[in-house]
Structure formats: C-alpha cells, structure tokens
Amino acid sequence: MPLTTPDKLKKVYAETFVDEVCKKIEEKFDKLPKESIKYLNSNGTLELIIEGEYDNATRNSVATRYKNVGWRDVRHRTSSENGERGGLTIFTLFK
C-alpha cells in the first residue's frame, strides 16, 4: 500500500483551503450590485468578511491570487487577532 508523503499532503491541504477562501470571496462579490464601485471606501478599498479563520499561509496565497488579477494590494487578518469574537477572516482589497 502506498503511503502519503508530506509533499502530497501539504499540496492538497493548501490548495483546498485557498480554493475554499477564494470561493467565499467570490460569493461576496456576486452579492454586490453591478455598480459596486460605490461600495468602495473613500480610499479605494473594499472590505470583505468571510466565515472561518484561516491560517496566515492560506491568507497569503489568497492575497497573491487577487494581486495577480489586478488588485493593487490585499491585506488580511482574522477577527481573533484584535481580541474580537473568533471565527471570521477579513480581507481588505485595494483598487
């Protein structure tokens, strides 16, 4: 019986969570009206809050994906980092 190597496990784990987070972000985008430019803050940012706390490596991978498609910067944090109720991840996208 072949055993799972750490490389295989790491790749499957990372890709699964990154895809999951991207899907949740895209669902938030789909809920915004087409004229969503008016939902940008005065400094050109859009803040999206999704359910679930994700590790820093996953959040960095998600941020890189969004930067690669045209967002100037993407910052992220979890709600528990500020002593708030845990269970949320916040992404701030800069136009």
PDB file of N, CA and C in Angstrom:
ATOM      1  N   MET A   1       0.851  -1.170   0.000  1.00  0.00           N
ATOM      2  CA  MET A   1       0.000   0.000   0.000  1.00  0.00           C
ATOM      3  C   MET A   1       0.901   1.238   0.000  1.00  0.00           C
ATOM      4  N   PRO A   2       0.680   2.189  -0.937  1.00  0.00           N
ATOM      5  CA  PRO A   2       1.489   3.410  -0.952  1.00  0.00           C
ATOM      6  C   PRO A   2       1.088   4.337   0.208  1.00  0.00           C
ATOM      7  N   LEU A   3       2.087   4.916   0.815  1.00  0.00           N
ATOM      8  CA  LEU A   3       1.849   5.839   1.922  1.00  0.00           C
ATOM      9  C   LEU A   3       1.861   7.271   1.419  1.00  0.00           C
ATOM     10  N   THR A   4       1.120   8.125   2.089  1.00  0.00           N
ATOM     11  CA  THR A   4       1.053   9.533   1.711  1.00  0.00           C
ATOM     12  C   THR A   4       2.325  10.236   2.147  1.00  0.00           C
ATOM     13  N   THR A   5       2.943  10.933   1.213  1.00  0.00           N
ATOM     14  CA  THR A   5       4.151  11.679   1.543  1.00  0.00           C
ATOM     15  C   THR A   5       3.767  13.062   2.053  1.00  0.00           C
ATOM     16  N   PRO A   6       4.623  13.710   2.823  1.00  0.00           N
ATOM     17  CA  PRO A   6       4.313  15.054   3.312  1.00  0.00           C
ATOM     18  C   PRO A   6       4.067  16.050   2.180  1.00  0.00           C
ATOM     19  N   ASP A   7       4.789  15.906   1.065  1.00  0.00           N
ATOM     20  CA  ASP A   7       4.601  16.823  -0.062  1.00  0.00           C
ATOM     21  C   ASP A   7       3.190  16.738  -0.626  1.00  0.00           C
ATOM     22  N   LYS A   8       2.675  15.532  -0.781  1.00  0.00           N
ATOM     23  CA  LYS A   8       1.321  15.367  -1.305  1.00  0.00           C
ATOM     24  C   LYS A   8       0.295  15.950  -0.337  1.00  0.00           C
ATOM     25  N   LEU A   9       0.462  15.684   0.924  1.00  0.00           N
ATOM     26  CA  LEU A   9      -0.482  16.174   1.918  1.00  0.00           C
ATOM     27  C   LEU A   9      -0.469  17.692   1.971  1.00  0.00           C
ATOM     28  N   LYS A  10       0.697  18.291   1.949  1.00  0.00           N
ATOM     29  CA  LYS A  10       0.808  19.747   2.017  1.00  0.00           C
ATOM     30  C   LYS A  10       0.139  20.392   0.804  1.00  0.00           C
ATOM     31  N   LYS A  11       0.362  19.848  -0.374  1.00  0.00           N
ATOM     32  CA  LYS A  11      -0.200  20.430  -1.583  1.00  0.00           C
ATOM     33  C   LYS A  11      -1.720  20.342  -1.578  1.00  0.00           C
ATOM     34  N   VAL A  12      -2.268  19.211  -1.241  1.00  0.00           N
ATOM     35  CA  VAL A  12      -3.714  19.029  -1.208  1.00  0.00           C
ATOM     36  C   VAL A  12      -4.321  19.939  -0.153  1.00  0.00           C
ATOM     37  N   TYR A  13      -3.738  19.998   1.018  1.00  0.00           N
ATOM     38  CA  TYR A  13      -4.237  20.822   2.118  1.00  0.00           C
ATOM     39  C   TYR A  13      -4.258  22.291   1.717  1.00  0.00           C
ATOM     40  N   ALA A  14      -3.156  22.779   1.213  1.00  0.00           N
ATOM     41  CA  ALA A  14      -3.041  24.201   0.881  1.00  0.00           C
ATOM     42  C   ALA A  14      -3.996  24.582  -0.247  1.00  0.00           C
ATOM     43  N   GLU A  15      -4.028  23.815  -1.301  1.00  0.00           N
ATOM     44  CA  GLU A  15      -4.890  24.146  -2.434  1.00  0.00           C
ATOM     45  C   GLU A  15      -6.361  24.092  -2.051  1.00  0.00           C
ATOM     46  N   THR A  16      -6.729  23.147  -1.211  1.00  0.00           N
ATOM     47  CA  THR A  16      -8.117  23.021  -0.794  1.00  0.00           C
ATOM     48  C   THR A  16      -8.575  24.266  -0.053  1.00  0.00           C
ATOM     49  N   PHE A  17      -7.793  24.734   0.915  1.00  0.00           N
ATOM     50  CA  PHE A  17      -8.198  25.888   1.694  1.00  0.00           C
ATOM     51  C   PHE A  17      -8.134  27.185   0.889  1.00  0.00           C
ATOM     52  N   VAL A  18      -7.154  27.333   0.032  1.00  0.00           N
ATOM     53  CA  VAL A  18      -7.057  28.537  -0.793  1.00  0.00           C
ATOM     54  C   VAL A  18      -8.266  28.616  -1.723  1.00  0.00           C
ATOM     55  N   ASP A  19      -8.608  27.510  -2.354  1.00  0.00           N
ATOM     56  CA  ASP A  19      -9.778  27.487  -3.234  1.00  0.00           C
ATOM     57  C   ASP A  19     -11.062  27.766  -2.454  1.00  0.00           C
ATOM     58  N   GLU A  20     -11.149  27.230  -1.250  1.00  0.00           N
ATOM     59  CA  GLU A  20     -12.330  27.455  -0.403  1.00  0.00           C
ATOM     60  C   GLU A  20     -12.490  28.936  -0.065  1.00  0.00           C
ATOM     61  N   VAL A  21     -11.400  29.581   0.305  1.00  0.00           N
ATOM     62  CA  VAL A  21     -11.451  31.006   0.646  1.00  0.00           C
ATOM     63  C   VAL A  21     -11.793  31.835  -0.585  1.00  0.00           C
ATOM     64  N   CYS A  22     -11.169  31.544  -1.716  1.00  0.00           N
ATOM     65  CA  CYS A  22     -11.459  32.282  -2.950  1.00  0.00           C
ATOM     66  C   CYS A  22     -12.927  32.132  -3.332  1.00  0.00           C
ATOM     67  N   LYS A  23     -13.486  30.953  -3.152  1.00  0.00           N
ATOM     68  CA  LYS A  23     -14.893  30.730  -3.463  1.00  0.00           C
ATOM     69  C   LYS A  23     -15.778  31.599  -2.567  1.00  0.00           C
ATOM     70  N   LYS A  24     -15.456  31.685  -1.282  1.00  0.00           N
ATOM     71  CA  LYS A  24     -16.240  32.510  -0.367  1.00  0.00           C
ATOM     72  C   LYS A  24     -16.144  33.990  -0.733  1.00  0.00           C
ATOM     73  N   ILE A  25     -14.959  34.435  -1.127  1.00  0.00           N
ATOM     74  CA  ILE A  25     -14.792  35.833  -1.534  1.00  0.00           C
ATOM     75  C   ILE A  25     -15.600  36.109  -2.797  1.00  0.00           C
ATOM     76  N   GLU A  26     -15.541  35.206  -3.753  1.00  0.00           N
ATOM     77  CA  GLU A  26     -16.290  35.390  -4.995  1.00  0.00           C
ATOM     78  C   GLU A  26     -17.796  35.406  -4.741  1.00  0.00           C
ATOM     79  N   GLU A  27     -18.260  34.624  -3.775  1.00  0.00           N
ATOM     80  CA  GLU A  27     -19.677  34.662  -3.415  1.00  0.00           C
ATOM     81  C   GLU A  27     -20.052  36.038  -2.876  1.00  0.00           C
ATOM     82  N   LYS A  28     -19.151  36.651  -2.103  1.00  0.00           N
ATOM     83  CA  LYS A  28     -19.396  38.015  -1.599  1.00  0.00           C
ATOM     84  C   LYS A  28     -19.457  39.002  -2.764  1.00  0.00           C
ATOM     85  N   PHE A  29     -18.550  38.868  -3.721  1.00  0.00           N
ATOM     86  CA  PHE A  29     -18.555  39.737  -4.900  1.00  0.00           C
ATOM     87  C   PHE A  29     -19.865  39.581  -5.675  1.00  0.00           C
ATOM     88  N   ASP A  30     -20.346  38.356  -5.809  1.00  0.00           N
ATOM     89  CA  ASP A  30     -21.583  38.108  -6.551  1.00  0.00           C
ATOM     90  C   ASP A  30     -22.784  38.788  -5.906  1.00  0.00           C
ATOM     91  N   LYS A  31     -22.746  38.981  -4.598  1.00  0.00           N
ATOM     92  CA  LYS A  31     -23.860  39.606  -3.888  1.00  0.00           C
ATOM     93  C   LYS A  31     -23.852  41.132  -4.015  1.00  0.00           C
ATOM     94  N   LEU A  32     -22.727  41.704  -4.428  1.00  0.00           N
ATOM     95  CA  LEU A  32     -22.664  43.151  -4.614  1.00  0.00           C
ATOM     96  C   LEU A  32     -23.385  43.528  -5.898  1.00  0.00           C
ATOM     97  N   PRO A  33     -24.070  44.668  -5.897  1.00  0.00           N
ATOM     98  CA  PRO A  33     -24.700  45.125  -7.147  1.00  0.00           C
ATOM     99  C   PRO A  33     -23.633  45.391  -8.209  1.00  0.00           C
ATOM    100  N   LYS A  34     -24.045  45.410  -9.447  1.00  0.00           N
ATOM    101  CA  LYS A  34     -23.090  45.630 -10.546  1.00  0.00           C
ATOM    102  C   LYS A  34     -22.383  46.975 -10.417  1.00  0.00           C
ATOM    103  N   GLU A  35     -23.046  47.958  -9.834  1.00  0.00           N
ATOM    104  CA  GLU A  35     -22.436  49.278  -9.638  1.00  0.00           C
ATOM    105  C   GLU A  35     -21.663  49.292  -8.314  1.00  0.00           C
ATOM    106  N   SER A  36     -20.943  48.228  -8.020  1.00  0.00           N
ATOM    107  CA  SER A  36     -20.310  48.078  -6.712  1.00  0.00           C
ATOM    108  C   SER A  36     -19.185  49.080  -6.462  1.00  0.00           C
ATOM    109  N   ILE A  37     -18.802  49.858  -7.471  1.00  0.00           N
ATOM    110  CA  ILE A  37     -17.750  50.854  -7.264  1.00  0.00           C
ATOM    111  C   ILE A  37     -18.156  51.811  -6.144  1.00  0.00           C
ATOM    112  N   LYS A  38     -19.454  52.052  -5.961  1.00  0.00           N
ATOM    113  CA  LYS A  38     -19.894  52.954  -4.904  1.00  0.00           C
ATOM    114  C   LYS A  38     -19.714  52.330  -3.518  1.00  0.00           C
ATOM    115  N   TYR A  39     -19.459  51.030  -3.452  1.00  0.00           N
ATOM    116  CA  TYR A  39     -19.234  50.381  -2.168  1.00  0.00           C
ATOM    117  C   TYR A  39     -17.774  50.447  -1.730  1.00  0.00           C
ATOM    118  N   LEU A  40     -16.916  50.970  -2.587  1.00  0.00           N
ATOM    119  CA  LEU A  40     -15.527  51.154  -2.200  1.00  0.00           C
ATOM    120  C   LEU A  40     -15.443  52.296  -1.200  1.00  0.00           C
ATOM    121  N   ASN A  41     -14.581  52.150  -0.206  1.00  0.00           N
ATOM    122  CA  ASN A  41     -14.362  53.238   0.745  1.00  0.00           C
ATOM    123  C   ASN A  41     -13.702  54.400   0.033  1.00  0.00           C
ATOM    124  N   SER A  42     -13.609  55.535   0.679  1.00  0.00           N
ATOM    125  CA  SER A  42     -13.045  56.733   0.051  1.00  0.00           C
ATOM    126  C   SER A  42     -11.602  56.531  -0.396  1.00  0.00           C
ATOM    127  N   ASN A  43     -10.894  55.618   0.245  1.00  0.00           N
ATOM    128  CA  ASN A  43      -9.504  55.365  -0.150  1.00  0.00           C
ATOM    129  C   ASN A  43      -9.381  54.231  -1.172  1.00  0.00           C
ATOM    130  N   GLY A  44     -10.505  53.823  -1.777  1.00  0.00           N
ATOM    131  CA  GLY A  44     -10.464  52.809  -2.826  1.00  0.00           C
ATOM    132  C   GLY A  44     -10.327  51.388  -2.320  1.00  0.00           C
ATOM    133  N   THR A  45     -10.799  51.129  -1.106  1.00  0.00           N
ATOM    134  CA  THR A  45     -10.705  49.779  -0.560  1.00  0.00           C
ATOM    135  C   THR A  45     -12.080  49.138  -0.445  1.00  0.00           C
ATOM    136  N   LEU A  46     -12.075  47.835  -0.474  1.00  0.00           N
ATOM    137  CA  LEU A  46     -13.286  47.060  -0.280  1.00  0.00           C
ATOM    138  C   LEU A  46     -12.966  46.019   0.786  1.00  0.00           C
ATOM    139  N   GLU A  47     -13.758  45.984   1.848  1.00  0.00           N
ATOM    140  CA  GLU A  47     -13.525  45.030   2.925  1.00  0.00           C
ATOM    141  C   GLU A  47     -14.561  43.919   2.842  1.00  0.00           C
ATOM    142  N   LEU A  48     -14.081  42.687   2.813  1.00  0.00           N
ATOM    143  CA  LEU A  48     -14.951  41.519   2.738  1.00  0.00           C
ATOM    144  C   LEU A  48     -14.694  40.635   3.953  1.00  0.00           C
ATOM    145  N   ILE A  49     -15.761  40.255   4.626  1.00  0.00           N
ATOM    146  CA  ILE A  49     -15.659  39.412   5.817  1.00  0.00           C
ATOM    147  C   ILE A  49     -16.259  38.062   5.477  1.00  0.00           C
ATOM    148  N   ILE A  50     -15.470  37.005   5.710  1.00  0.00           N
ATOM    149  CA  ILE A  50     -15.955  35.658   5.421  1.00  0.00           C
ATOM    150  C   ILE A  50     -15.911  34.813   6.688  1.00  0.00           C
ATOM    151  N   GLU A  51     -16.772  33.818   6.732  1.00  0.00           N
ATOM    152  CA  GLU A  51     -16.825  32.892   7.862  1.00  0.00           C
ATOM    153  C   GLU A  51     -15.591  31.998   7.859  1.00  0.00           C
ATOM    154  N   GLY A  52     -15.060  31.735   9.024  1.00  0.00           N
ATOM    155  CA  GLY A  52     -13.923  30.840   9.176  1.00  0.00           C
ATOM    156  C   GLY A  52     -12.630  31.612   9.376  1.00  0.00           C
ATOM    157  N   GLU A  53     -11.793  31.097  10.265  1.00  0.00           N
ATOM    158  CA  GLU A  53     -10.462  31.678  10.462  1.00  0.00           C
ATOM    159  C   GLU A  53      -9.460  30.803   9.727  1.00  0.00           C
ATOM    160  N   TYR A  54      -8.690  31.424   8.868  1.00  0.00           N
ATOM    161  CA  TYR A  54      -7.724  30.679   8.064  1.00  0.00           C
ATOM    162  C   TYR A  54      -6.314  31.083   8.454  1.00  0.00           C
ATOM    163  N   ASP A  55      -5.394  30.145   8.354  1.00  0.00           N
ATOM    164  CA  ASP A  55      -4.010  30.406   8.740  1.00  0.00           C
ATOM    165  C   ASP A  55      -3.366  31.424   7.802  1.00  0.00           C
ATOM    166  N   ASN A  56      -2.266  31.975   8.259  1.00  0.00           N
ATOM    167  CA  ASN A  56      -1.593  33.044   7.520  1.00  0.00           C
ATOM    168  C   ASN A  56      -1.111  32.591   6.141  1.00  0.00           C
ATOM    169  N   ALA A  57      -0.632  31.373   6.035  1.00  0.00           N
ATOM    170  CA  ALA A  57      -0.149  30.879   4.739  1.00  0.00           C
ATOM    171  C   ALA A  57      -1.291  30.827   3.719  1.00  0.00           C
ATOM    172  N   THR A  58      -2.453  30.368   4.141  1.00  0.00           N
ATOM    173  CA  THR A  58      -3.611  30.326   3.248  1.00  0.00           C
ATOM    174  C   THR A  58      -4.018  31.727   2.844  1.00  0.00           C
ATOM    175  N   ARG A  59      -4.074  32.651   3.805  1.00  0.00           N
ATOM    176  CA  ARG A  59      -4.466  34.029   3.506  1.00  0.00           C
ATOM    177  C   ARG A  59      -3.459  34.694   2.576  1.00  0.00           C
ATOM    178  N   ASN A  60      -2.179  34.418   2.756  1.00  0.00           N
ATOM    179  CA  ASN A  60      -1.162  34.979   1.855  1.00  0.00           C
ATOM    180  C   ASN A  60      -1.342  34.461   0.432  1.00  0.00           C
ATOM    181  N   SER A  61      -1.659  33.183   0.289  1.00  0.00           N
ATOM    182  CA  SER A  61      -1.873  32.607  -1.045  1.00  0.00           C
ATOM    183  C   SER A  61      -3.090  33.230  -1.717  1.00  0.00           C
ATOM    184  N   VAL A  62      -4.148  33.442  -0.951  1.00  0.00           N
ATOM    185  CA  VAL A  62      -5.342  34.090  -1.492  1.00  0.00           C
ATOM    186  C   VAL A  62      -5.010  35.511  -1.925  1.00  0.00           C
ATOM    187  N   ALA A  63      -4.296  36.242  -1.081  1.00  0.00           N
ATOM    188  CA  ALA A  63      -3.914  37.621  -1.400  1.00  0.00           C
ATOM    189  C   ALA A  63      -3.097  37.666  -2.685  1.00  0.00           C
ATOM    190  N   THR A  64      -2.179  36.743  -2.856  1.00  0.00           N
ATOM    191  CA  THR A  64      -1.361  36.692  -4.065  1.00  0.00           C
ATOM    192  C   THR A  64      -2.225  36.463  -5.301  1.00  0.00           C
ATOM    193  N   ARG A  65      -3.202  35.582  -5.203  1.00  0.00           N
ATOM    194  CA  ARG A  65      -4.097  35.331  -6.345  1.00  0.00           C
ATOM    195  C   ARG A  65      -4.831  36.605  -6.754  1.00  0.00           C
ATOM    196  N   TYR A  66      -5.334  37.355  -5.773  1.00  0.00           N
ATOM    197  CA  TYR A  66      -6.085  38.569  -6.106  1.00  0.00           C
ATOM    198  C   TYR A  66      -5.177  39.684  -6.607  1.00  0.00           C
ATOM    199  N   LYS A  67      -3.956  39.753  -6.108  1.00  0.00           N
ATOM    200  CA  LYS A  67      -2.996  40.739  -6.634  1.00  0.00           C
ATOM    201  C   LYS A  67      -2.669  40.418  -8.089  1.00  0.00           C
ATOM    202  N   ASN A  68      -2.566  39.150  -8.400  1.00  0.00           N
ATOM    203  CA  ASN A  68      -2.230  38.730  -9.765  1.00  0.00           C
ATOM    204  C   ASN A  68      -3.324  39.037 -10.779  1.00  0.00           C
ATOM    205  N   VAL A  69      -4.552  39.279 -10.310  1.00  0.00           N
ATOM    206  CA  VAL A  69      -5.628  39.601 -11.254  1.00  0.00           C
ATOM    207  C   VAL A  69      -5.959  41.087 -11.272  1.00  0.00           C
ATOM    208  N   GLY A  70      -5.143  41.911 -10.591  1.00  0.00           N
ATOM    209  CA  GLY A  70      -5.313  43.351 -10.751  1.00  0.00           C
ATOM    210  C   GLY A  70      -5.531  44.189  -9.509  1.00  0.00           C
ATOM    211  N   TRP A  71      -5.771  43.583  -8.347  1.00  0.00           N
ATOM    212  CA  TRP A  71      -5.893  44.389  -7.141  1.00  0.00           C
ATOM    213  C   TRP A  71      -4.504  44.872  -6.744  1.00  0.00           C
ATOM    214  N   ARG A  72      -4.402  46.165  -6.407  1.00  0.00           N
ATOM    215  CA  ARG A  72      -3.099  46.764  -6.075  1.00  0.00           C
ATOM    216  C   ARG A  72      -2.495  46.122  -4.824  1.00  0.00           C
ATOM    217  N   ASP A  73      -3.319  45.896  -3.806  1.00  0.00           N
ATOM    218  CA  ASP A  73      -2.837  45.295  -2.566  1.00  0.00           C
ATOM    219  C   ASP A  73      -3.997  44.550  -1.924  1.00  0.00           C
ATOM    220  N   VAL A  74      -3.680  43.517  -1.184  1.00  0.00           N
ATOM    221  CA  VAL A  74      -4.686  42.768  -0.439  1.00  0.00           C
ATOM    222  C   VAL A  74      -4.118  42.517   0.949  1.00  0.00           C
ATOM    223  N   ARG A  75      -4.850  42.980   1.952  1.00  0.00           N
ATOM    224  CA  ARG A  75      -4.440  42.755   3.343  1.00  0.00           C
ATOM    225  C   ARG A  75      -5.471  41.861   3.997  1.00  0.00           C
ATOM    226  N   HIS A  76      -5.052  41.179   5.033  1.00  0.00           N
ATOM    227  CA  HIS A  76      -5.949  40.226   5.676  1.00  0.00           C
ATOM    228  C   HIS A  76      -5.627  40.097   7.155  1.00  0.00           C
ATOM    229  N   ARG A  77      -6.656  39.684   7.891  1.00  0.00           N
ATOM    230  CA  ARG A  77      -6.491  39.398   9.320  1.00  0.00           C
ATOM    231  C   ARG A  77      -7.656  38.523   9.758  1.00  0.00           C
ATOM    232  N   THR A  78      -7.498  37.917  10.910  1.00  0.00           N
ATOM    233  CA  THR A  78      -8.607  37.172  11.493  1.00  0.00           C
ATOM    234  C   THR A  78      -9.212  38.013  12.603  1.00  0.00           C
ATOM    235  N   SER A  79     -10.464  37.750  12.912  1.00  0.00           N
ATOM    236  CA  SER A  79     -11.142  38.552  13.928  1.00  0.00           C
ATOM    237  C   SER A  79     -10.508  38.368  15.307  1.00  0.00           C
ATOM    238  N   SER A  80      -9.989  37.194  15.595  1.00  0.00           N
ATOM    239  CA  SER A  80      -9.413  36.970  16.923  1.00  0.00           C
ATOM    240  C   SER A  80      -8.070  37.681  17.113  1.00  0.00           C
ATOM    241  N   GLU A  81      -7.444  38.151  16.025  1.00  0.00           N
ATOM    242  CA  GLU A  81      -6.186  38.889  16.150  1.00  0.00           C
ATOM    243  C   GLU A  81      -6.373  40.194  16.908  1.00  0.00           C
ATOM    244  N   ASN A  82      -7.584  40.745  16.868  1.00  0.00           N
ATOM    245  CA  ASN A  82      -7.875  42.002  17.565  1.00  0.00           C
ATOM    246  C   ASN A  82      -8.666  41.766  18.848  1.00  0.00           C
ATOM    247  N   GLY A  83      -8.705  40.557  19.310  1.00  0.00           N
ATOM    248  CA  GLY A  83      -9.431  40.252  20.527  1.00  0.00           C
ATOM    249  C   GLY A  83     -10.937  40.218  20.332  1.00  0.00           C
ATOM    250  N   GLU A  84     -11.388  40.194  19.090  1.00  0.00           N
ATOM    251  CA  GLU A  84     -12.813  40.118  18.799  1.00  0.00           C
ATOM    252  C   GLU A  84     -13.251  38.661  18.807  1.00  0.00           C
ATOM    253  N   ARG A  85     -14.526  38.445  18.612  1.00  0.00           N
ATOM    254  CA  ARG A  85     -15.049  37.086  18.523  1.00  0.00           C
ATOM    255  C   ARG A  85     -14.344  36.357  17.381  1.00  0.00           C
ATOM    256  N   GLY A  86     -13.859  35.188  17.648  1.00  0.00           N
ATOM    257  CA  GLY A  86     -13.159  34.412  16.632  1.00  0.00           C
ATOM    258  C   GLY A  86     -14.111  33.848  15.595  1.00  0.00           C
ATOM    259  N   GLY A  87     -13.540  33.332  14.512  1.00  0.00           N
ATOM    260  CA  GLY A  87     -14.344  32.658  13.502  1.00  0.00           C
ATOM    261  C   GLY A  87     -14.536  33.410  12.209  1.00  0.00           C
ATOM    262  N   LEU A  88     -13.891  34.571  12.056  1.00  0.00           N
ATOM    263  CA  LEU A  88     -14.038  35.355  10.835  1.00  0.00           C
ATOM    264  C   LEU A  88     -12.666  35.700  10.266  1.00  0.00           C
ATOM    265  N   THR A  89     -12.618  35.863   8.958  1.00  0.00           N
ATOM    266  CA  THR A  89     -11.410  36.351   8.287  1.00  0.00           C
ATOM    267  C   THR A  89     -11.809  37.564   7.480  1.00  0.00           C
ATOM    268  N   ILE A  90     -11.000  38.613   7.591  1.00  0.00           N
ATOM    269  CA  ILE A  90     -11.291  39.873   6.912  1.00  0.00           C
ATOM    270  C   ILE A  90     -10.237  40.119   5.833  1.00  0.00           C
ATOM    271  N   PHE A  91     -10.686  40.337   4.617  1.00  0.00           N
ATOM    272  CA  PHE A  91      -9.799  40.703   3.518  1.00  0.00           C
ATOM    273  C   PHE A  91     -10.109  42.134   3.115  1.00  0.00           C
ATOM    274  N   THR A  92      -9.071  42.958   2.993  1.00  0.00           N
ATOM    275  CA  THR A  92      -9.224  44.315   2.512  1.00  0.00           C
ATOM    276  C   THR A  92      -8.509  44.393   1.161  1.00  0.00           C
ATOM    277  N   LEU A  93      -9.271  44.695   0.116  1.00  0.00           N
ATOM    278  CA  LEU A  93      -8.730  44.760  -1.236  1.00  0.00           C
ATOM    279  C   LEU A  93      -8.594  46.215  -1.642  1.00  0.00           C
ATOM    280  N   PHE A  94      -7.429  46.576  -2.158  1.00  0.00           N
ATOM    281  CA  PHE A  94      -7.137  47.949  -2.586  1.00  0.00           C
ATOM    282  C   PHE A  94      -7.191  48.028  -4.098  1.00  0.00           C
ATOM    283  N   LYS A  95      -8.024  48.944  -4.603  1.00  0.00           N
ATOM    284  CA  LYS A  95      -8.212  49.108  -6.049  1.00  0.00           C
ATOM    285  C   LYS A  95      -6.973  49.721  -6.693  1.00  0.00           C
TER     286      LYS A  95
END
